[in-house]
C-alpha atoms as a PDB file:
ATOM      1  CA  MET A   1     109.440 132.743 116.905  1.00  0.00           C
ATOM      2  CA  ALA A   2     108.648 133.578 113.268  1.00  0.00           C
ATOM      3  CA  GLY A   3     108.347 130.519 110.739  1.00  0.00           C
ATOM      4  CA  ALA A   4     105.877 127.799 110.664  1.00  0.00           C
ATOM      5  CA  TYR A   5     103.725 125.427 111.907  1.00  0.00           C
ATOM      6  CA  TRP A   6     103.116 121.954 111.332  1.00  0.00           C
ATOM      7  CA  ILE A   7      99.875 120.847 112.931  1.00  0.00           C
ATOM      8  CA  ALA A   8      98.857 117.427 112.970  1.00  0.00           C
ATOM      9  CA  HIS A   9      95.651 115.354 113.843  1.00  0.00           C
ATOM     10  CA  VAL A  10      95.523 111.817 114.289  1.00  0.00           C
ATOM     11  CA  THR A  11      94.291 108.915 114.809  1.00  0.00           C
ATOM     12  CA  VAL A  12      96.609 105.724 115.003  1.00  0.00           C
ATOM     13  CA  THR A  13      94.490 102.707 113.759  1.00  0.00           C
ATOM     14  CA  ASP A  14      97.623  99.896 113.786  1.00  0.00           C
ATOM     15  CA  PRO A  15     100.158 101.002 116.109  1.00  0.00           C
ATOM     16  CA  GLU A  16     102.867  98.862 115.175  1.00  0.00           C
ATOM     17  CA  ALA A  17     103.328 100.458 111.743  1.00  0.00           C
ATOM     18  CA  TYR A  18     102.689 103.875 112.828  1.00  0.00           C
ATOM     19  CA  GLY A  19     105.627 103.356 114.685  1.00  0.00           C
ATOM     20  CA  LYS A  20     107.779 102.478 111.982  1.00  0.00           C
ATOM     21  CA  TYR A  21     106.083 105.937 110.556  1.00  0.00           C
ATOM     22  CA  ALA A  22     107.409 107.593 113.693  1.00  0.00           C
ATOM     23  CA  GLU A  23     111.261 106.031 113.191  1.00  0.00           C
ATOM     24  CA  GLY A  24     111.300 107.718 109.905  1.00  0.00           C
ATOM     25  CA  ALA A  25     109.709 111.011 110.481  1.00  0.00           C
ATOM     26  CA  GLY A  26     111.494 112.760 113.257  1.00  0.00           C
ATOM     27  CA  PRO A  27     114.756 112.497 111.260  1.00  0.00           C
ATOM     28  CA  ALA A  28     113.422 113.909 108.136  1.00  0.00           C
ATOM     29  CA  ILE A  29     111.904 116.607 110.179  1.00  0.00           C
ATOM     30  CA  ALA A  30     114.991 117.386 111.807  1.00  0.00           C
ATOM     31  CA  LYS A  31     116.756 117.125 108.682  1.00  0.00           C
ATOM     32  CA  HIS A  32     114.352 120.413 107.371  1.00  0.00           C
ATOM     33  CA  GLY A  33     114.874 122.056 110.743  1.00  0.00           C
ATOM     34  CA  GLY A  34     111.659 121.229 112.093  1.00  0.00           C
ATOM     35  CA  LYS A  35     111.647 120.672 115.948  1.00  0.00           C
ATOM     36  CA  PHE A  36     108.996 118.917 118.305  1.00  0.00           C
ATOM     37  CA  LEU A  37     107.545 121.802 120.296  1.00  0.00           C
ATOM     38  CA  ALA A  38     104.384 119.434 121.380  1.00  0.00           C
ATOM     39  CA  ARG A  39     103.140 115.402 120.801  1.00  0.00           C
ATOM     40  CA  SER A  40     100.704 113.407 122.302  1.00  0.00           C
ATOM     41  CA  THR A  41     100.347 115.825 125.430  1.00  0.00           C
ATOM     42  CA  ARG A  42      97.722 116.881 127.345  1.00  0.00           C
ATOM     43  CA  TYR A  43      94.993 118.922 125.464  1.00  0.00           C
ATOM     44  CA  VAL A  44      91.213 119.627 125.795  1.00  0.00           C
ATOM     45  CA  GLN A  45      89.189 119.477 122.518  1.00  0.00           C
ATOM     46  CA  LEU A  46      86.704 122.252 122.516  1.00  0.00           C
ATOM     47  CA  GLU A  47      85.582 121.995 118.835  1.00  0.00           C
ATOM     48  CA  GLY A  48      85.252 119.820 115.725  1.00  0.00           C
ATOM     49  CA  THR A  49      86.622 116.338 115.332  1.00  0.00           C
ATOM     50  CA  ASP A  50      88.858 114.640 118.490  1.00  0.00           C
ATOM     51  CA  ARG A  51      92.053 113.016 117.824  1.00  0.00           C
ATOM     52  CA  ALA A  52      93.486 111.478 120.367  1.00  0.00           C
ATOM     53  CA  ARG A  53      97.241 112.360 118.919  1.00  0.00           C
ATOM     54  CA  ASN A  54      98.028 115.675 118.225  1.00  0.00           C
ATOM     55  CA  VAL A  55     101.420 117.164 117.258  1.00  0.00           C
ATOM     56  CA  LEU A  56     102.587 120.592 116.556  1.00  0.00           C
ATOM     57  CA  ALA A  57     106.218 121.218 114.764  1.00  0.00           C
ATOM     58  CA  TRP A  58     107.862 124.355 114.112  1.00  0.00           C
ATOM     59  CA  PHE A  59     109.680 125.068 110.795  1.00  0.00           C
ATOM     60  CA  PRO A  60     112.094 128.007 110.015  1.00  0.00           C
ATOM     61  CA  SER A  61     109.665 128.646 107.152  1.00  0.00           C
ATOM     62  CA  LEU A  62     106.563 127.644 105.054  1.00  0.00           C
ATOM     63  CA  GLU A  63     108.783 126.452 102.365  1.00  0.00           C
ATOM     64  CA  ALA A  64     110.954 124.336 104.659  1.00  0.00           C
ATOM     65  CA  ALA A  65     107.815 122.696 105.871  1.00  0.00           C
ATOM     66  CA  GLU A  66     106.492 121.569 102.527  1.00  0.00           C
ATOM     67  CA  GLN A  67     109.666 120.914 101.628  1.00  0.00           C
ATOM     68  CA  CYS A  68     109.899 118.289 104.611  1.00  0.00           C
ATOM     69  CA  TYR A  69     106.381 116.906 103.365  1.00  0.00           C
ATOM     70  CA  HIS A  70     107.596 116.442  99.727  1.00  0.00           C
ATOM     71  CA  SER A  71     111.068 114.950 100.644  1.00  0.00           C
ATOM     72  CA  ASP A  72     112.198 111.533  99.861  1.00  0.00           C
ATOM     73  CA  GLU A  73     113.011 110.555 103.243  1.00  0.00           C
ATOM     74  CA  TYR A  74     109.138 111.916 105.068  1.00  0.00           C
ATOM     75  CA  GLN A  75     107.768 110.320 102.016  1.00  0.00           C
ATOM     76  CA  ALA A  76     109.183 107.027 102.904  1.00  0.00           C
ATOM     77  CA  ALA A  77     108.373 107.438 106.484  1.00  0.00           C
ATOM     78  CA  LEU A  78     105.049 108.412 105.503  1.00  0.00           C
ATOM     79  CA  ALA A  79     104.471 105.195 103.693  1.00  0.00           C
ATOM     80  CA  HIS A  80     104.123 103.111 106.867  1.00  0.00           C
ATOM     81  CA  ALA A  81     101.173 105.443 107.968  1.00  0.00           C
ATOM     82  CA  LYS A  82      98.873 104.891 105.365  1.00  0.00           C
ATOM     83  CA  GLY A  83      96.487 102.417 106.336  1.00  0.00           C
ATOM     84  CA  ALA A  84      97.746 102.729 110.098  1.00  0.00           C
ATOM     85  CA  ALA A  85      96.202 106.119 110.758  1.00  0.00           C
ATOM     86  CA  GLU A  86      93.617 108.431 110.290  1.00  0.00           C
ATOM     87  CA  ARG A  87      95.631 112.271 109.752  1.00  0.00           C
ATOM     88  CA  ASP A  88      94.512 115.649 108.931  1.00  0.00           C
ATOM     89  CA  LEU A  89      98.046 117.783 108.414  1.00  0.00           C
ATOM     90  CA  MET A  90      98.235 121.491 107.966  1.00  0.00           C
ATOM     91  CA  ILE A  91     101.316 124.252 107.652  1.00  0.00           C
ATOM     92  CA  LEU A  92     100.181 127.215 109.517  1.00  0.00           C
ATOM     93  CA  GLU A  93     102.534 130.074 108.614  1.00  0.00           C
ATOM     94  CA  ALA A  94     103.747 131.975 111.870  1.00  0.00           C
ATOM     95  CA  SER A  95     102.879 135.648 112.372  1.00  0.00           C
ATOM     96  CA  ASP A  96     105.787 138.203 112.695  1.00  0.00           C
ATOM     97  CA  ASP A  97     104.037 140.724 115.009  1.00  0.00           C
ATOM     98  CA  VAL A  98     103.354 138.348 118.019  1.00  0.00           C
END
């Protein structure tokens, strides 16, 4: 499955505000071809900073994932997450040879 992965590690500090983010983020991600592969499922932290919420989403390309992030719809949702969570978010391009 080529494409790109949106990988987020999150500590939610204001669940009500972050819930508003999630309501808007899901449709924005879907609009750009994104699909959630894992959200807040079980995990094992082996190294680095532990964050209770971990999300993996697939996009058809790195460009689609980046366009989603910068889209008006996603930025409107993201406004609710600012100050409501500590987040790390990255986009990782999938390897064609897997």
